[in-house]
Amino acid sequence: MSDKEDRIARLSQRFKTHATGRPKNESKNRERQSLYLDSNLTERINTTYKDVNHHFYPKSLSKSTFLETILEFGLENIDAIKSRLSELSDVEENS
């Protein structure tokens, strides 16, 4: 092989080591999820987040912490959530 071919072969080796992907980090505390939410609700969430973040100024509140806190509060008050869900027309009876 010429020097040029040898150099190209050595450089291409780095692409072969991760061909199957990198091993997953098992100690992940967060993961990305896609959720489809009502646009009016999303707008309310964004507006409320900005207001709450402004309330804590000069400290900063991340949006993920804001949303996680809301979700945790909902889970801690699941009976009230169930009551509200029973009033929604989107919840269908299983037949």
N, C-alpha and C. Protein backbone atom coordinates (compact mmCIF):
# COMPACT_ATOMS: atom_id res chain seq x y z
N MET A 1 0.83 -1.18 0.00
CA MET A 1 0.00 0.00 0.00
C MET A 1 0.88 1.24 0.00
N SER A 2 0.37 2.24 -0.66
CA SER A 2 1.09 3.51 -0.64
C SER A 2 0.83 4.22 0.68
N ASP A 3 1.61 5.23 0.95
CA ASP A 3 1.42 6.00 2.20
C ASP A 3 0.03 6.58 2.29
N LYS A 4 -0.48 7.06 1.16
CA LYS A 4 -1.81 7.67 1.14
C LYS A 4 -2.88 6.63 1.48
N GLU A 5 -2.80 5.45 0.88
CA GLU A 5 -3.78 4.39 1.14
C GLU A 5 -3.68 3.90 2.58
N ASP A 6 -2.45 3.78 3.07
CA ASP A 6 -2.24 3.34 4.44
C ASP A 6 -2.84 4.34 5.44
N ARG A 7 -2.64 5.62 5.18
CA ARG A 7 -3.18 6.66 6.06
C ARG A 7 -4.71 6.64 6.03
N ILE A 8 -5.29 6.48 4.84
CA ILE A 8 -6.75 6.43 4.72
C ILE A 8 -7.30 5.21 5.44
N ALA A 9 -6.62 4.08 5.32
CA ALA A 9 -7.06 2.86 5.99
C ALA A 9 -7.03 3.03 7.51
N ARG A 10 -5.98 3.64 8.04
CA ARG A 10 -5.90 3.87 9.48
C ARG A 10 -7.00 4.84 9.95
N LEU A 11 -7.25 5.87 9.16
CA LEU A 11 -8.30 6.83 9.55
C LEU A 11 -9.68 6.18 9.51
N SER A 12 -9.90 5.30 8.57
CA SER A 12 -11.22 4.68 8.46
C SER A 12 -11.48 3.68 9.57
N GLN A 13 -10.47 3.22 10.28
CA GLN A 13 -10.64 2.27 11.38
C GLN A 13 -11.50 2.86 12.50
N ARG A 14 -11.42 4.15 12.72
CA ARG A 14 -12.19 4.75 13.81
C ARG A 14 -13.69 4.65 13.59
N PHE A 15 -14.12 4.54 12.31
CA PHE A 15 -15.54 4.42 12.04
C PHE A 15 -16.04 3.00 12.25
N LYS A 16 -15.15 2.03 12.29
CA LYS A 16 -15.54 0.64 12.47
C LYS A 16 -15.76 0.30 13.94
N THR A 17 -15.14 1.01 14.85
CA THR A 17 -15.24 0.67 16.27
C THR A 17 -16.62 0.97 16.85
N HIS A 18 -17.33 1.95 16.31
CA HIS A 18 -18.65 2.32 16.84
C HIS A 18 -19.76 1.97 15.86
N ALA A 19 -19.53 0.99 15.01
CA ALA A 19 -20.52 0.64 14.00
C ALA A 19 -21.82 0.17 14.62
N THR A 20 -21.77 -0.50 15.76
CA THR A 20 -23.00 -0.97 16.41
C THR A 20 -23.50 0.02 17.45
N GLY A 21 -22.86 1.14 17.56
CA GLY A 21 -23.27 2.15 18.52
C GLY A 21 -22.48 2.05 19.81
N ARG A 22 -22.51 3.11 20.54
CA ARG A 22 -21.81 3.14 21.83
C ARG A 22 -22.67 2.42 22.86
N PRO A 23 -22.03 1.83 23.86
CA PRO A 23 -22.83 1.16 24.90
C PRO A 23 -23.65 2.19 25.67
N LYS A 24 -24.87 1.81 26.03
CA LYS A 24 -25.74 2.72 26.75
C LYS A 24 -25.26 2.88 28.18
N ASN A 25 -25.38 4.10 28.66
CA ASN A 25 -25.03 4.39 30.04
C ASN A 25 -26.23 4.00 30.91
N GLU A 26 -26.07 2.98 31.74
CA GLU A 26 -27.18 2.44 32.53
C GLU A 26 -27.60 3.36 33.67
N SER A 27 -26.76 4.31 34.05
CA SER A 27 -27.08 5.15 35.19
C SER A 27 -27.74 6.48 34.80
N LYS A 28 -28.48 6.47 33.68
CA LYS A 28 -29.16 7.68 33.24
C LYS A 28 -30.32 8.01 34.17
N ASN A 29 -30.40 9.26 34.59
CA ASN A 29 -31.51 9.70 35.41
C ASN A 29 -32.60 10.38 34.58
N ARG A 30 -32.25 10.76 33.39
CA ARG A 30 -33.20 11.46 32.53
C ARG A 30 -33.20 10.81 31.15
N GLU A 31 -34.33 10.91 30.48
CA GLU A 31 -34.39 10.45 29.11
C GLU A 31 -35.34 11.34 28.33
N ARG A 32 -35.12 11.38 27.06
CA ARG A 32 -35.94 12.22 26.19
C ARG A 32 -37.20 11.46 25.80
N GLN A 33 -38.34 12.14 25.91
CA GLN A 33 -39.63 11.57 25.55
C GLN A 33 -40.36 12.55 24.65
N SER A 34 -41.12 12.03 23.73
CA SER A 34 -41.97 12.88 22.90
C SER A 34 -43.40 12.73 23.37
N LEU A 35 -44.03 13.85 23.66
CA LEU A 35 -45.42 13.86 24.08
C LEU A 35 -46.19 14.82 23.19
N TYR A 36 -47.39 14.43 22.83
CA TYR A 36 -48.25 15.30 22.04
C TYR A 36 -49.29 15.89 22.98
N LEU A 37 -49.17 17.19 23.21
CA LEU A 37 -50.04 17.88 24.15
C LEU A 37 -50.88 18.91 23.43
N ASP A 38 -51.99 19.23 24.04
CA ASP A 38 -52.86 20.29 23.54
C ASP A 38 -52.08 21.59 23.45
N SER A 39 -52.20 22.29 22.32
CA SER A 39 -51.39 23.51 22.13
C SER A 39 -51.76 24.61 23.11
N ASN A 40 -53.03 24.71 23.50
CA ASN A 40 -53.41 25.72 24.50
C ASN A 40 -52.79 25.40 25.86
N LEU A 41 -52.76 24.12 26.19
CA LEU A 41 -52.13 23.71 27.45
C LEU A 41 -50.63 24.00 27.41
N THR A 42 -50.00 23.70 26.30
CA THR A 42 -48.56 23.97 26.16
C THR A 42 -48.28 25.46 26.30
N GLU A 43 -49.14 26.28 25.74
CA GLU A 43 -48.97 27.73 25.86
C GLU A 43 -49.12 28.16 27.32
N ARG A 44 -50.09 27.58 28.03
CA ARG A 44 -50.27 27.89 29.46
C ARG A 44 -49.06 27.46 30.27
N ILE A 45 -48.53 26.28 29.95
CA ILE A 45 -47.34 25.79 30.65
C ILE A 45 -46.18 26.74 30.44
N ASN A 46 -45.95 27.15 29.19
CA ASN A 46 -44.85 28.06 28.87
C ASN A 46 -45.00 29.40 29.58
N THR A 47 -46.19 29.95 29.56
CA THR A 47 -46.45 31.24 30.22
C THR A 47 -46.26 31.12 31.73
N THR A 48 -46.80 30.06 32.31
CA THR A 48 -46.68 29.86 33.75
C THR A 48 -45.22 29.65 34.15
N TYR A 49 -44.50 28.87 33.34
CA TYR A 49 -43.08 28.65 33.61
C TYR A 49 -42.32 29.98 33.63
N LYS A 50 -42.59 30.84 32.65
CA LYS A 50 -41.91 32.14 32.60
C LYS A 50 -42.23 32.98 33.83
N ASP A 51 -43.50 32.96 34.25
CA ASP A 51 -43.91 33.72 35.44
C ASP A 51 -43.23 33.19 36.71
N VAL A 52 -43.21 31.88 36.85
CA VAL A 52 -42.60 31.27 38.04
C VAL A 52 -41.09 31.50 38.03
N ASN A 53 -40.47 31.35 36.88
CA ASN A 53 -39.03 31.59 36.76
C ASN A 53 -38.70 33.04 37.12
N HIS A 54 -39.55 33.97 36.68
CA HIS A 54 -39.36 35.38 37.00
C HIS A 54 -39.51 35.62 38.51
N HIS A 55 -40.42 34.87 39.13
CA HIS A 55 -40.65 35.01 40.57
C HIS A 55 -39.38 34.68 41.36
N PHE A 56 -38.60 33.71 40.89
CA PHE A 56 -37.40 33.29 41.60
C PHE A 56 -36.15 34.09 41.23
N TYR A 57 -36.30 35.08 40.33
CA TYR A 57 -35.15 35.89 39.93
C TYR A 57 -34.51 36.51 41.17
N PRO A 58 -33.20 36.53 41.33
CA PRO A 58 -32.13 36.27 40.36
C PRO A 58 -31.75 34.80 40.24
N LYS A 59 -32.39 33.92 41.00
CA LYS A 59 -32.14 32.50 40.80
C LYS A 59 -32.84 32.06 39.53
N SER A 60 -32.36 30.96 38.97
CA SER A 60 -32.93 30.46 37.72
C SER A 60 -33.54 29.08 37.95
N LEU A 61 -34.66 28.85 37.33
CA LEU A 61 -35.37 27.58 37.43
C LEU A 61 -35.41 26.94 36.04
N SER A 62 -34.93 25.70 35.93
CA SER A 62 -34.97 25.05 34.62
C SER A 62 -36.39 24.58 34.33
N LYS A 63 -36.71 24.53 33.06
CA LYS A 63 -38.06 24.12 32.68
C LYS A 63 -38.29 22.65 33.04
N SER A 64 -37.25 21.83 32.95
CA SER A 64 -37.42 20.41 33.31
C SER A 64 -37.74 20.27 34.80
N THR A 65 -37.10 21.04 35.65
CA THR A 65 -37.39 21.00 37.09
C THR A 65 -38.81 21.47 37.34
N PHE A 66 -39.24 22.51 36.65
CA PHE A 66 -40.60 23.03 36.77
C PHE A 66 -41.62 21.94 36.40
N LEU A 67 -41.42 21.30 35.25
CA LEU A 67 -42.36 20.27 34.80
C LEU A 67 -42.32 19.04 35.70
N GLU A 68 -41.13 18.63 36.13
CA GLU A 68 -41.02 17.47 37.01
C GLU A 68 -41.72 17.73 38.33
N THR A 69 -41.63 18.94 38.84
CA THR A 69 -42.30 19.30 40.11
C THR A 69 -43.81 19.24 39.96
N ILE A 70 -44.30 19.76 38.84
CA ILE A 70 -45.75 19.70 38.58
C ILE A 70 -46.21 18.24 38.48
N LEU A 71 -45.47 17.42 37.76
CA LEU A 71 -45.85 16.01 37.60
C LEU A 71 -45.77 15.26 38.93
N GLU A 72 -44.73 15.52 39.71
CA GLU A 72 -44.62 14.87 41.03
C GLU A 72 -45.77 15.27 41.94
N PHE A 73 -46.14 16.55 41.91
CA PHE A 73 -47.26 17.02 42.72
C PHE A 73 -48.54 16.31 42.29
N GLY A 74 -48.73 16.17 40.99
CA GLY A 74 -49.90 15.46 40.49
C GLY A 74 -49.93 14.01 40.95
N LEU A 75 -48.78 13.35 40.92
CA LEU A 75 -48.72 11.96 41.37
C LEU A 75 -48.97 11.84 42.86
N GLU A 76 -48.53 12.83 43.63
CA GLU A 76 -48.78 12.82 45.08
C GLU A 76 -50.26 13.06 45.39
N ASN A 77 -50.97 13.66 44.45
CA ASN A 77 -52.39 13.96 44.63
C ASN A 77 -53.21 13.22 43.58
N ILE A 78 -52.90 11.95 43.40
CA ILE A 78 -53.50 11.17 42.33
C ILE A 78 -55.02 11.01 42.48
N ASP A 79 -55.52 11.03 43.71
CA ASP A 79 -56.97 10.91 43.89
C ASP A 79 -57.71 12.09 43.29
N ALA A 80 -57.18 13.29 43.48
CA ALA A 80 -57.79 14.48 42.87
C ALA A 80 -57.68 14.42 41.35
N ILE A 81 -56.57 13.88 40.86
CA ILE A 81 -56.38 13.73 39.41
C ILE A 81 -57.40 12.73 38.86
N LYS A 82 -57.59 11.61 39.56
CA LYS A 82 -58.56 10.61 39.12
C LYS A 82 -59.96 11.22 39.08
N SER A 83 -60.28 12.03 40.07
CA SER A 83 -61.59 12.68 40.12
C SER A 83 -61.78 13.58 38.90
N ARG A 84 -60.76 14.35 38.58
CA ARG A 84 -60.84 15.24 37.43
C ARG A 84 -60.92 14.44 36.13
N LEU A 85 -60.15 13.36 36.04
CA LEU A 85 -60.16 12.53 34.83
C LEU A 85 -61.53 11.87 34.62
N SER A 86 -62.22 11.52 35.69
CA SER A 86 -63.54 10.88 35.54
C SER A 86 -64.55 11.84 34.93
N GLU A 87 -64.29 13.13 35.03
CA GLU A 87 -65.19 14.14 34.46
C GLU A 87 -64.93 14.39 32.98
N LEU A 88 -63.79 13.93 32.47
CA LEU A 88 -63.45 14.19 31.07
C LEU A 88 -64.17 13.24 30.14
N SER A 89 -64.55 13.75 28.99
CA SER A 89 -65.24 12.92 28.01
C SER A 89 -64.25 12.06 27.21
N ASP A 90 -62.94 12.38 27.27
CA ASP A 90 -61.94 11.60 26.53
C ASP A 90 -61.67 10.24 27.15
N VAL A 91 -62.02 10.06 28.42
CA VAL A 91 -61.80 8.80 29.08
C VAL A 91 -62.96 7.89 28.69
N GLU A 92 -62.62 6.77 28.03
CA GLU A 92 -63.65 5.86 27.51
C GLU A 92 -63.74 4.62 28.38
N GLU A 93 -64.93 4.06 28.42
CA GLU A 93 -65.12 2.81 29.16
C GLU A 93 -64.59 1.67 28.32
N ASN A 94 -63.94 0.70 28.99
CA ASN A 94 -63.49 -0.51 28.30
C ASN A 94 -64.67 -1.44 28.12
N SER A 95 -64.79 -2.01 26.91
CA SER A 95 -65.90 -2.93 26.72
C SER A 95 -65.45 -4.33 26.45
